[in-house]
């Protein structure tokens, strides 16, 4: 799609609309002025007829020619008139203008238009009170039209001169109105990736632009969060991959320099174990990156959390049996709204962590229940447990308890659980284990409030 200049388009649209309205108003004004001029000329015909009738009644016919010639000179309108004396139906011409025929121009009183000598004339006839006198006064219709047009044009001259001034005013007003957008564009252009801060224009913005400003600031916030996530991901990956890679190199060198087959096999087994740990670390890092705040919105739908827990437990049961552990599921139907994929990741990380930190022949209990607070998921084990201070520190990335030194975890599982819980507005808590009934073990609880399910709908 080709870009366009908003200022130019607004000016063009406004000038076109106002111009059309302006021309329409001018045309209406022209027509009205023309009509009013015709009405004035008709009133003059009536007035001249009354004057002629009064002068003729007073016997001052010599003043008739003088009055009409003065009027014709003032308005540059050719005039024709007749003054008749009526006696028993017989008409006698008392006076007439030059080039006016001696025959009656009209047959009755009132306005009438007729063709005289090839030109159209507008006449007005007026009879005296006693019916003895009858006067006729007429004006050249074409000349009347020309004079009326000239008067209307004089009235429209300011309108025509005002059209360019209107266009100039529109140009200035549009530029003034778009100044906040230009200031916003300058503020965005001046932003740096190293310092992404909300846009604060130098002058107040219109209410129509305010939603755009808020949307831009939200976008800036998401971009800043994404960049911060990228930096932290890079730092975390570099921090966590450095030691395993160094250990892999050492094990590979040991395998290469081994003198007997048994030592070489042992070193290669260590290399494979290190590769497995690295693979697990990379998977956890990538999962955590996808759960950062800048990730796309989750696709929430109606689901059964108990079925998800059942599926995850069935998936991890063989590993638990291989270590002699007991994995128990206590679940009741638990419908809720959420993202099935991420909830499966949450349950898998909790159960996997519990199995990793629970010794052989230990027990892990997964429970799903519906309470007054909402849907509650609990994973409890009878492992070595954690102190209260260690449980507080679990929310940090790569945080691990003191007993974790004997396991292959990377300290990201609970960070993933916390992020998924936050996406579902769930409450995550840690407590001592309930399996053994003493201070040992660890219980992780995730409570999904019922209000969250209604809000997602």
Protein backbone atom coordinates (compact mmCIF):
# COMPACT_ATOMS: atom_id res chain seq x y z
CA UNK A 1 0.00 0.00 0.00
CA UNK A 2 1.43 3.32 -1.06
CA UNK A 3 1.99 5.86 1.75
CA UNK A 4 0.39 9.27 1.55
CA UNK A 5 0.76 12.62 3.31
CA UNK A 6 -2.01 13.03 5.87
CA UNK A 7 -1.62 16.81 5.82
CA UNK A 8 -1.98 17.06 2.04
CA UNK A 9 -4.96 14.70 2.02
CA UNK A 10 -6.75 16.58 4.79
CA UNK A 11 -6.12 19.91 3.09
CA UNK A 12 -7.35 18.56 -0.25
CA UNK A 13 -10.50 17.06 1.30
CA UNK A 14 -11.32 20.15 3.36
CA UNK A 15 -10.67 22.56 0.49
CA UNK A 16 -12.76 20.40 -1.85
CA UNK A 17 -15.68 20.10 0.59
CA UNK A 18 -15.62 23.75 1.65
CA UNK A 19 -15.08 24.80 -1.96
CA UNK A 20 -18.13 22.86 -3.14
CA UNK A 21 -20.20 24.34 -0.32
CA UNK A 22 -18.76 27.76 -1.10
CA UNK A 23 -19.62 27.50 -4.79
CA UNK A 24 -23.09 26.18 -3.95
CA UNK A 25 -23.67 29.08 -1.58
CA UNK A 26 -22.36 31.49 -4.22
CA UNK A 27 -24.71 30.06 -6.85
CA UNK A 28 -27.64 30.33 -4.46
CA UNK A 29 -26.62 33.89 -3.57
CA UNK A 30 -26.34 34.76 -7.27
CA UNK A 31 -29.80 33.41 -7.97
CA UNK A 32 -31.26 35.17 -4.95
CA UNK A 33 -29.58 38.46 -5.90
CA UNK A 34 -30.89 38.11 -9.43
CA UNK A 35 -34.40 37.48 -8.17
CA UNK A 36 -34.23 40.43 -5.79
CA UNK A 37 -32.98 42.70 -8.59
CA UNK A 38 -35.93 41.64 -10.76
CA UNK A 39 -38.27 42.42 -7.89
CA UNK A 40 -36.69 45.87 -7.51
CA UNK A 41 -37.08 46.57 -11.24
CA UNK A 42 -40.72 45.49 -11.11
CA UNK A 43 -41.27 47.80 -8.15
CA UNK A 44 -39.69 50.62 -10.17
CA UNK A 45 -42.09 49.93 -13.05
CA UNK A 46 -45.02 50.19 -10.65
CA UNK A 47 -43.60 53.37 -9.13
CA UNK A 48 -43.01 54.96 -12.56
CA UNK A 49 -46.51 54.03 -13.68
CA UNK A 50 -47.99 55.64 -10.57
CA UNK A 51 -45.90 58.79 -11.12
CA UNK A 52 -46.96 58.99 -14.77
CA UNK A 53 -50.58 58.52 -13.80
CA UNK A 54 -50.36 61.24 -11.15
CA UNK A 55 -48.66 63.71 -13.51
CA UNK A 56 -51.12 63.01 -16.30
CA UNK A 57 -54.06 63.44 -13.92
CA UNK A 58 -52.69 66.83 -12.84
CA UNK A 59 -52.29 67.95 -16.42
CA UNK A 60 -48.50 68.18 -16.13
CA UNK A 61 -47.68 66.00 -19.09
CA UNK A 62 -44.59 68.05 -19.81
CA UNK A 63 -42.96 66.63 -16.70
CA UNK A 64 -43.55 63.03 -17.83
CA UNK A 65 -40.76 62.94 -20.39
CA UNK A 66 -38.31 64.61 -17.99
CA UNK A 67 -38.94 62.13 -15.14
CA UNK A 68 -38.67 59.03 -17.30
CA UNK A 69 -35.57 60.18 -19.15
CA UNK A 70 -33.87 60.91 -15.83
CA UNK A 71 -34.71 57.39 -14.59
CA UNK A 72 -33.45 55.79 -17.80
CA UNK A 73 -30.19 57.70 -17.52
CA UNK A 74 -29.71 56.73 -13.85
CA UNK A 75 -30.13 52.98 -14.44
CA UNK A 76 -29.03 52.78 -18.09
CA UNK A 77 -32.28 50.96 -18.84
CA UNK A 78 -34.12 51.62 -22.10
CA UNK A 79 -37.70 52.65 -21.26
CA UNK A 80 -40.91 52.82 -23.23
CA UNK A 81 -44.14 54.35 -22.04
CA UNK A 82 -47.57 55.40 -23.22
CA UNK A 83 -50.24 57.62 -21.67
CA UNK A 84 -53.77 57.06 -22.94
CA UNK A 85 -57.05 58.88 -22.38
CA UNK A 86 -60.02 56.53 -22.33
CA UNK A 87 -63.48 57.87 -23.25
CA UNK A 88 -66.37 55.46 -23.78
CA UNK A 89 -63.99 52.70 -24.83
CA UNK A 90 -62.14 54.94 -27.25
CA UNK A 91 -58.42 55.44 -26.48
CA UNK A 92 -56.57 58.60 -27.36
CA UNK A 93 -52.76 58.72 -27.04
CA UNK A 94 -51.63 61.64 -24.87
CA UNK A 95 -47.89 60.89 -24.67
CA UNK A 96 -45.38 58.27 -25.64
CA UNK A 97 -41.62 57.68 -25.63
CA UNK A 98 -39.40 57.83 -28.69
CA UNK A 99 -39.62 54.78 -30.99
CA UNK A 100 -42.74 53.62 -29.21
CA UNK A 101 -45.60 52.66 -31.54
CA UNK A 102 -48.89 54.56 -31.43
CA UNK A 103 -50.83 51.37 -30.81
CA UNK A 104 -51.47 50.12 -27.24
CA UNK A 105 -48.55 48.04 -25.94
CA UNK A 106 -50.77 46.10 -23.51
CA UNK A 107 -54.49 45.54 -23.33
CA UNK A 108 -54.96 45.45 -19.57
CA UNK A 109 -53.50 46.34 -16.19
CA UNK A 110 -50.68 44.33 -14.60
CA UNK A 111 -47.37 42.84 -15.73
CA UNK A 112 -46.93 41.32 -19.15
CA UNK A 113 -43.98 40.41 -21.38
CA UNK A 114 -44.10 41.01 -25.12
CA UNK A 115 -41.81 41.10 -28.13
CA UNK A 116 -41.37 44.60 -29.53
CA UNK A 117 -39.13 45.26 -32.53
CA UNK A 118 -37.49 41.86 -32.08
CA UNK A 119 -36.67 42.36 -28.37
CA UNK A 120 -38.46 41.11 -25.30
CA UNK A 121 -39.89 43.78 -23.03
CA UNK A 122 -41.57 43.69 -19.65
CA UNK A 123 -44.51 46.09 -19.36
CA UNK A 124 -46.76 47.22 -16.54
CA UNK A 125 -50.18 48.73 -17.18
CA UNK A 126 -52.03 50.92 -14.66
CA UNK A 127 -55.48 52.53 -14.97
CA UNK A 128 -56.71 55.63 -13.11
CA UNK A 129 -59.39 55.51 -10.46
CA UNK A 130 -62.08 56.92 -12.76
CA UNK A 131 -60.85 54.90 -15.73
CA UNK A 132 -60.14 57.97 -17.87
CA UNK A 133 -56.36 57.50 -17.91
CA UNK A 134 -54.31 54.39 -18.65
CA UNK A 135 -50.49 54.36 -18.55
CA UNK A 136 -48.05 51.72 -19.74
CA UNK A 137 -44.36 51.58 -18.67
CA UNK A 138 -41.87 48.98 -19.94
CA UNK A 139 -38.20 47.99 -19.64
CA UNK A 140 -35.98 46.01 -21.98
CA UNK A 141 -35.93 42.49 -20.47
CA UNK A 142 -32.42 41.64 -21.71
CA UNK A 143 -31.03 44.87 -20.32
CA UNK A 144 -32.76 44.21 -17.02
CA UNK A 145 -31.07 40.79 -16.93
CA UNK A 146 -27.66 42.34 -17.66
CA UNK A 147 -28.02 44.94 -14.92
CA UNK A 148 -29.24 42.32 -12.42
CA UNK A 149 -26.30 40.05 -13.33
CA UNK A 150 -23.86 42.91 -12.87
CA UNK A 151 -25.29 43.71 -9.45
CA UNK A 152 -25.12 40.04 -8.42
CA UNK A 153 -21.51 39.81 -9.59
CA UNK A 154 -20.59 42.80 -7.46
CA UNK A 155 -22.14 41.04 -4.48
CA UNK A 156 -20.23 37.80 -5.22
CA UNK A 157 -16.85 39.46 -5.67
CA UNK A 158 -15.95 39.19 -1.93
CA UNK A 159 -17.00 35.54 -2.03
CA UNK A 160 -14.62 34.79 -4.89
CA UNK A 161 -11.78 36.64 -3.21
CA UNK A 162 -12.43 34.77 0.04
CA UNK A 163 -11.99 31.31 -1.50
CA UNK A 164 -8.14 31.48 -1.69
CA UNK A 165 -8.07 32.96 1.81
CA UNK A 166 -10.20 30.04 2.99
CA UNK A 167 -7.76 27.55 1.43
CA UNK A 168 -4.86 29.32 3.17
CA UNK A 169 -6.72 29.21 6.49
CA UNK A 170 -7.39 25.47 6.04
CA UNK A 171 -3.70 24.87 5.29
CA UNK A 172 -2.68 26.71 8.47
CA UNK A 173 -5.35 25.04 10.64
CA UNK A 174 -4.47 21.51 9.46
CA UNK A 175 -0.79 22.13 10.07
CA UNK A 176 -1.58 23.43 13.53
CA UNK A 177 -3.81 20.45 14.33
CA UNK A 178 -1.21 17.92 13.15
CA UNK A 179 1.62 19.45 15.13
CA UNK A 180 1.23 16.94 18.01
CA UNK A 181 1.63 14.07 15.52
CA UNK A 182 4.82 15.62 14.21
CA UNK A 183 6.08 16.04 17.78
CA UNK A 184 5.21 12.40 18.50
CA UNK A 185 7.07 11.27 15.38
CA UNK A 186 10.12 13.28 16.49
CA UNK A 187 9.95 11.71 19.95
CA UNK A 188 9.75 8.20 18.48
CA UNK A 189 12.61 8.92 16.08
CA UNK A 190 14.76 10.13 18.96
CA UNK A 191 14.25 6.93 20.98
CA UNK A 192 17.13 4.54 21.49
CA UNK A 193 17.04 0.79 22.07
CA UNK A 194 19.26 1.36 25.08
CA UNK A 195 16.73 3.72 26.69
CA UNK A 196 13.15 2.84 25.77
CA UNK A 197 10.94 5.16 27.80
CA UNK A 198 7.28 6.18 27.37
CA UNK A 199 6.66 8.93 24.83
CA UNK A 200 5.99 12.31 26.45
CA UNK A 201 5.15 15.01 23.86
CA UNK A 202 6.24 18.56 24.52
CA UNK A 203 2.66 19.85 24.16
CA UNK A 204 -0.80 18.45 24.96
CA UNK A 205 -2.18 16.01 22.40
CA UNK A 206 -5.81 15.95 21.16
CA UNK A 207 -8.17 13.35 22.57
CA UNK A 208 -8.22 11.66 19.14
CA UNK A 209 -4.43 11.19 19.29
CA UNK A 210 -4.33 10.09 22.94
CA UNK A 211 -5.32 6.44 22.17
CA UNK A 212 -2.50 6.28 19.63
CA UNK A 213 -0.08 7.60 22.25
CA UNK A 214 -1.23 5.01 24.77
CA UNK A 215 -0.93 2.23 22.20
CA UNK A 216 2.59 3.38 21.26
CA UNK A 217 3.61 3.52 24.91
CA UNK A 218 2.26 0.00 25.46
CA UNK A 219 4.20 -1.13 22.42
CA UNK A 220 7.33 0.57 23.75
CA UNK A 221 6.81 -1.22 27.06
CA UNK A 222 6.46 -4.59 25.32
CA UNK A 223 9.53 -3.96 23.18
CA UNK A 224 11.51 -2.94 26.26
CA UNK A 225 10.35 -6.09 28.06
CA UNK A 226 11.26 -8.19 25.03
CA UNK A 227 14.73 -6.67 24.85
CA UNK A 228 15.21 -7.17 28.57
CA UNK A 229 14.06 -10.77 28.18
CA UNK A 230 16.49 -11.29 25.35
CA UNK A 231 19.36 -9.86 27.39
CA UNK A 232 18.46 -11.98 30.41
CA UNK A 233 18.01 -15.07 28.25
CA UNK A 234 21.44 -14.51 26.70
CA UNK A 235 23.01 -13.93 30.09
CA UNK A 236 21.27 -16.95 31.62
CA UNK A 237 22.19 -19.21 28.73
CA UNK A 238 25.81 -18.07 28.79
CA UNK A 239 25.96 -18.50 32.55
CA UNK A 240 24.43 -21.97 32.61
CA UNK A 241 26.02 -23.38 29.47
CA UNK A 242 29.56 -22.38 30.34
CA UNK A 243 30.10 -24.96 33.10
CA UNK A 244 28.42 -27.96 31.36
CA UNK A 245 30.30 -27.27 28.15
CA UNK A 246 33.58 -27.10 30.06
CA UNK A 247 32.72 -30.38 31.79
CA UNK A 248 31.89 -31.99 28.44
CA UNK A 249 35.23 -30.88 27.07
CA UNK A 250 37.04 -32.38 30.05
CA UNK A 251 35.13 -35.68 29.74
CA UNK A 252 35.82 -35.81 26.01
CA UNK A 253 39.53 -35.25 26.66
CA UNK A 254 39.47 -37.99 29.31
CA UNK A 255 37.80 -40.40 26.87
CA UNK A 256 40.31 -39.51 24.20
CA UNK A 257 43.27 -40.14 26.50
CA UNK A 258 41.90 -43.27 28.15
CA UNK A 259 44.32 -46.21 27.95
CA UNK A 260 41.82 -49.04 28.39
CA UNK A 261 38.37 -49.79 27.09
CA UNK A 262 36.64 -49.61 30.48
CA UNK A 263 37.91 -46.11 31.27
CA UNK A 264 36.97 -44.92 27.79
CA UNK A 265 33.43 -46.29 28.15
CA UNK A 266 33.06 -44.65 31.55
CA UNK A 267 34.19 -41.29 30.14
CA UNK A 268 31.87 -41.59 27.16
CA UNK A 269 28.96 -42.37 29.50
CA UNK A 270 29.79 -39.13 31.33
CA UNK A 271 29.81 -37.28 28.00
CA UNK A 272 26.36 -38.68 27.12
CA UNK A 273 25.02 -37.75 30.54
CA UNK A 274 26.39 -34.24 30.09
CA UNK A 275 24.73 -33.99 26.68
CA UNK A 276 21.42 -35.04 28.25
CA UNK A 277 21.80 -32.36 30.93
CA UNK A 278 22.57 -29.75 28.27
CA UNK A 279 19.56 -30.83 26.24
CA UNK A 280 17.33 -30.50 29.30
CA UNK A 281 18.81 -27.09 30.07
CA UNK A 282 18.24 -25.80 26.54
CA UNK A 283 14.65 -27.08 26.54
CA UNK A 284 13.97 -25.34 29.85
CA UNK A 285 15.54 -22.09 28.64
CA UNK A 286 13.49 -22.12 25.44
CA UNK A 287 10.29 -22.89 27.32
CA UNK A 288 10.95 -20.03 29.72
CA UNK A 289 11.67 -17.66 26.82
CA UNK A 290 8.33 -18.51 25.20
CA UNK A 291 6.59 -17.65 28.46
CA UNK A 292 8.06 -14.15 28.76
CA UNK A 293 5.66 -11.18 28.98
CA UNK A 294 6.21 -10.22 25.34
CA UNK A 295 5.02 -13.62 24.10
CA UNK A 296 1.75 -13.85 22.20
CA UNK A 297 -1.51 -14.14 24.13
CA UNK A 298 -2.46 -17.67 25.08
CA UNK A 299 -5.35 -19.49 23.47
CA UNK A 300 -7.59 -20.17 26.46
CA UNK A 301 -10.39 -22.71 26.24
CA UNK A 302 -12.51 -24.95 28.45
CA UNK A 303 -10.50 -27.93 29.74
CA UNK A 304 -10.30 -30.54 32.48
CA UNK A 305 -7.23 -30.09 34.70
CA UNK A 306 -7.65 -33.57 36.20
CA UNK A 307 -7.29 -35.15 32.75
CA UNK A 308 -4.15 -33.14 32.05
CA UNK A 309 -2.67 -34.29 35.36
CA UNK A 310 -3.64 -37.88 34.57
CA UNK A 311 -1.93 -37.70 31.17
CA UNK A 312 1.27 -36.23 32.63
CA UNK A 313 1.41 -38.82 35.43
CA UNK A 314 0.95 -41.63 32.91
CA UNK A 315 3.82 -40.16 30.87
CA UNK A 316 6.20 -39.95 33.86
CA UNK A 317 5.13 -43.16 35.59
CA UNK A 318 7.71 -45.39 33.81
CA UNK A 319 10.56 -43.15 35.01
CA UNK A 320 9.20 -43.27 38.57
CA UNK A 321 8.93 -47.07 38.45
CA UNK A 322 12.47 -47.33 37.13
CA UNK A 323 13.70 -45.49 40.24
CA UNK A 324 11.47 -47.48 42.56
CA UNK A 325 9.30 -44.46 43.34
CA UNK A 326 5.55 -44.40 43.88
CA UNK A 327 3.62 -41.84 41.82
CA UNK A 328 0.01 -41.44 43.01
CA UNK A 329 -2.77 -39.35 41.44
CA UNK A 330 -5.74 -38.17 43.53
CA UNK A 331 -7.98 -36.19 41.18
CA UNK A 332 -11.61 -35.18 40.89
CA UNK A 333 -13.28 -33.54 37.88
CA UNK A 334 -11.90 -30.01 37.67
CA UNK A 335 -13.26 -27.97 34.72
CA UNK A 336 -11.62 -24.61 34.14
CA UNK A 337 -10.47 -22.16 31.47
CA UNK A 338 -6.84 -22.16 30.44
CA UNK A 339 -4.22 -23.15 27.92
CA UNK A 340 -3.95 -26.93 27.85
CA UNK A 341 -0.42 -26.96 26.42
CA UNK A 342 1.05 -24.65 29.07
CA UNK A 343 -0.84 -26.35 31.90
CA UNK A 344 0.63 -29.68 30.80
CA UNK A 345 4.09 -28.04 30.93
CA UNK A 346 3.29 -26.75 34.44
CA UNK A 347 2.18 -30.15 35.76
CA UNK A 348 5.09 -31.93 34.05
CA UNK A 349 7.67 -29.58 35.61
CA UNK A 350 6.18 -29.94 39.08
CA UNK A 351 6.00 -33.74 38.91
CA UNK A 352 9.43 -34.01 37.26
CA UNK A 353 10.99 -31.83 39.97
CA UNK A 354 9.34 -33.92 42.68
CA UNK A 355 10.64 -37.15 41.13
CA UNK A 356 14.14 -35.71 40.74
CA UNK A 357 14.43 -34.66 44.39
CA UNK A 358 12.66 -37.69 45.86
CA UNK A 359 15.02 -40.57 46.71
CA UNK A 360 14.53 -44.11 45.44
CA UNK A 361 11.50 -45.89 46.94
CA UNK A 362 10.10 -42.44 47.75
CA UNK A 363 6.55 -41.25 47.15
CA UNK A 364 5.07 -38.41 45.07
CA UNK A 365 1.37 -37.52 45.34
CA UNK A 366 -0.41 -35.40 42.72
CA UNK A 367 -3.87 -34.11 43.67
CA UNK A 368 -6.47 -32.06 41.82
CA UNK A 369 -9.50 -30.74 43.73
CA UNK A 370 -12.18 -28.08 43.43
CA UNK A 371 -12.34 -25.86 46.52
CA UNK A 372 -14.10 -22.63 47.47
CA UNK A 373 -11.02 -20.73 46.30
CA UNK A 374 -11.02 -22.42 42.89
CA UNK A 375 -9.28 -25.36 41.24
CA UNK A 376 -6.32 -26.51 43.36
CA UNK A 377 -3.36 -28.51 42.02
CA UNK A 378 -0.89 -29.94 44.55
CA UNK A 379 2.30 -31.94 44.06
CA UNK A 380 3.81 -33.32 47.28
CA UNK A 381 6.88 -35.48 47.80
CA UNK A 382 8.75 -37.02 50.72
CA UNK A 383 12.16 -35.83 49.61
CA UNK A 384 14.70 -34.02 51.79
CA UNK A 385 12.50 -30.91 51.94
CA UNK A 386 13.54 -27.27 52.25
CA UNK A 387 13.87 -24.69 54.94
CA UNK A 388 11.55 -21.66 54.98
CA UNK A 389 14.38 -19.46 53.66
CA UNK A 390 15.06 -21.85 50.78
CA UNK A 391 11.37 -21.91 49.85
CA UNK A 392 11.35 -18.10 49.62
CA UNK A 393 14.35 -18.19 47.26
CA UNK A 394 12.75 -20.77 44.95
CA UNK A 395 11.09 -18.08 42.80
CA UNK A 396 14.40 -16.91 41.34
CA UNK A 397 15.89 -18.29 38.14
CA UNK A 398 18.43 -21.11 38.65
CA UNK A 399 17.51 -21.19 42.35
CA UNK A 400 17.94 -24.64 43.88
CA UNK A 401 17.83 -26.05 47.36
CA UNK A 402 20.82 -27.40 49.26
CA UNK A 403 19.78 -30.96 48.46
CA UNK A 404 19.81 -30.24 44.73
CA UNK A 405 23.54 -30.76 44.43
CA UNK A 406 22.94 -34.48 43.99
CA UNK A 407 20.44 -34.09 41.13
CA UNK A 408 20.64 -33.09 37.47
CA UNK A 409 18.21 -30.15 37.61
CA UNK A 410 19.02 -26.71 36.25
CA UNK A 411 16.86 -24.56 38.51
CA UNK A 412 14.41 -23.37 35.84
CA UNK A 413 11.43 -25.67 36.38
CA UNK A 414 9.80 -23.59 39.13
CA UNK A 415 10.45 -20.37 37.17
CA UNK A 416 8.46 -21.89 34.33
CA UNK A 417 5.72 -22.94 36.76
CA UNK A 418 5.55 -19.44 38.21
CA UNK A 419 5.28 -17.83 34.78
CA UNK A 420 2.47 -20.18 33.65
CA UNK A 421 0.67 -19.61 36.95
CA UNK A 422 0.87 -15.85 36.44
CA UNK A 423 -0.61 -16.22 32.95
CA UNK A 424 -3.58 -18.01 34.52
CA UNK A 425 -3.79 -15.54 37.46
CA UNK A 426 -3.14 -18.50 39.76
CA UNK A 427 -1.52 -18.37 43.20
CA UNK A 428 1.69 -20.39 43.65
CA UNK A 429 2.82 -21.41 47.14
CA UNK A 430 5.36 -23.76 48.78
CA UNK A 431 4.99 -25.64 52.04
CA UNK A 432 6.49 -28.59 53.87
CA UNK A 433 5.58 -32.03 52.53
CA UNK A 434 2.32 -33.69 53.55
CA UNK A 435 3.36 -37.22 52.50
CA UNK A 436 5.52 -38.06 55.51
CA UNK A 437 3.56 -35.96 57.97
CA UNK A 438 6.69 -34.26 59.34
CA UNK A 439 8.81 -31.31 58.27
CA UNK A 440 10.37 -33.27 55.41
CA UNK A 441 9.38 -33.15 51.79
CA UNK A 442 7.90 -30.30 49.80
CA UNK A 443 4.34 -29.47 48.71
CA UNK A 444 3.79 -27.12 45.80
CA UNK A 445 0.26 -25.71 45.47
CA UNK A 446 -1.22 -23.88 42.47
CA UNK A 447 -4.71 -22.43 42.98
CA UNK A 448 -6.60 -21.25 39.88
CA UNK A 449 -9.35 -18.85 41.05
CA UNK A 450 -12.87 -19.29 39.72
CA UNK A 451 -12.97 -15.56 38.88
CA UNK A 452 -10.17 -16.15 36.38
CA UNK A 453 -12.31 -18.69 34.51
CA UNK A 454 -15.21 -16.24 34.24
CA UNK A 455 -12.91 -13.42 33.17
CA UNK A 456 -11.46 -15.49 30.35
CA UNK A 457 -14.97 -16.05 28.98
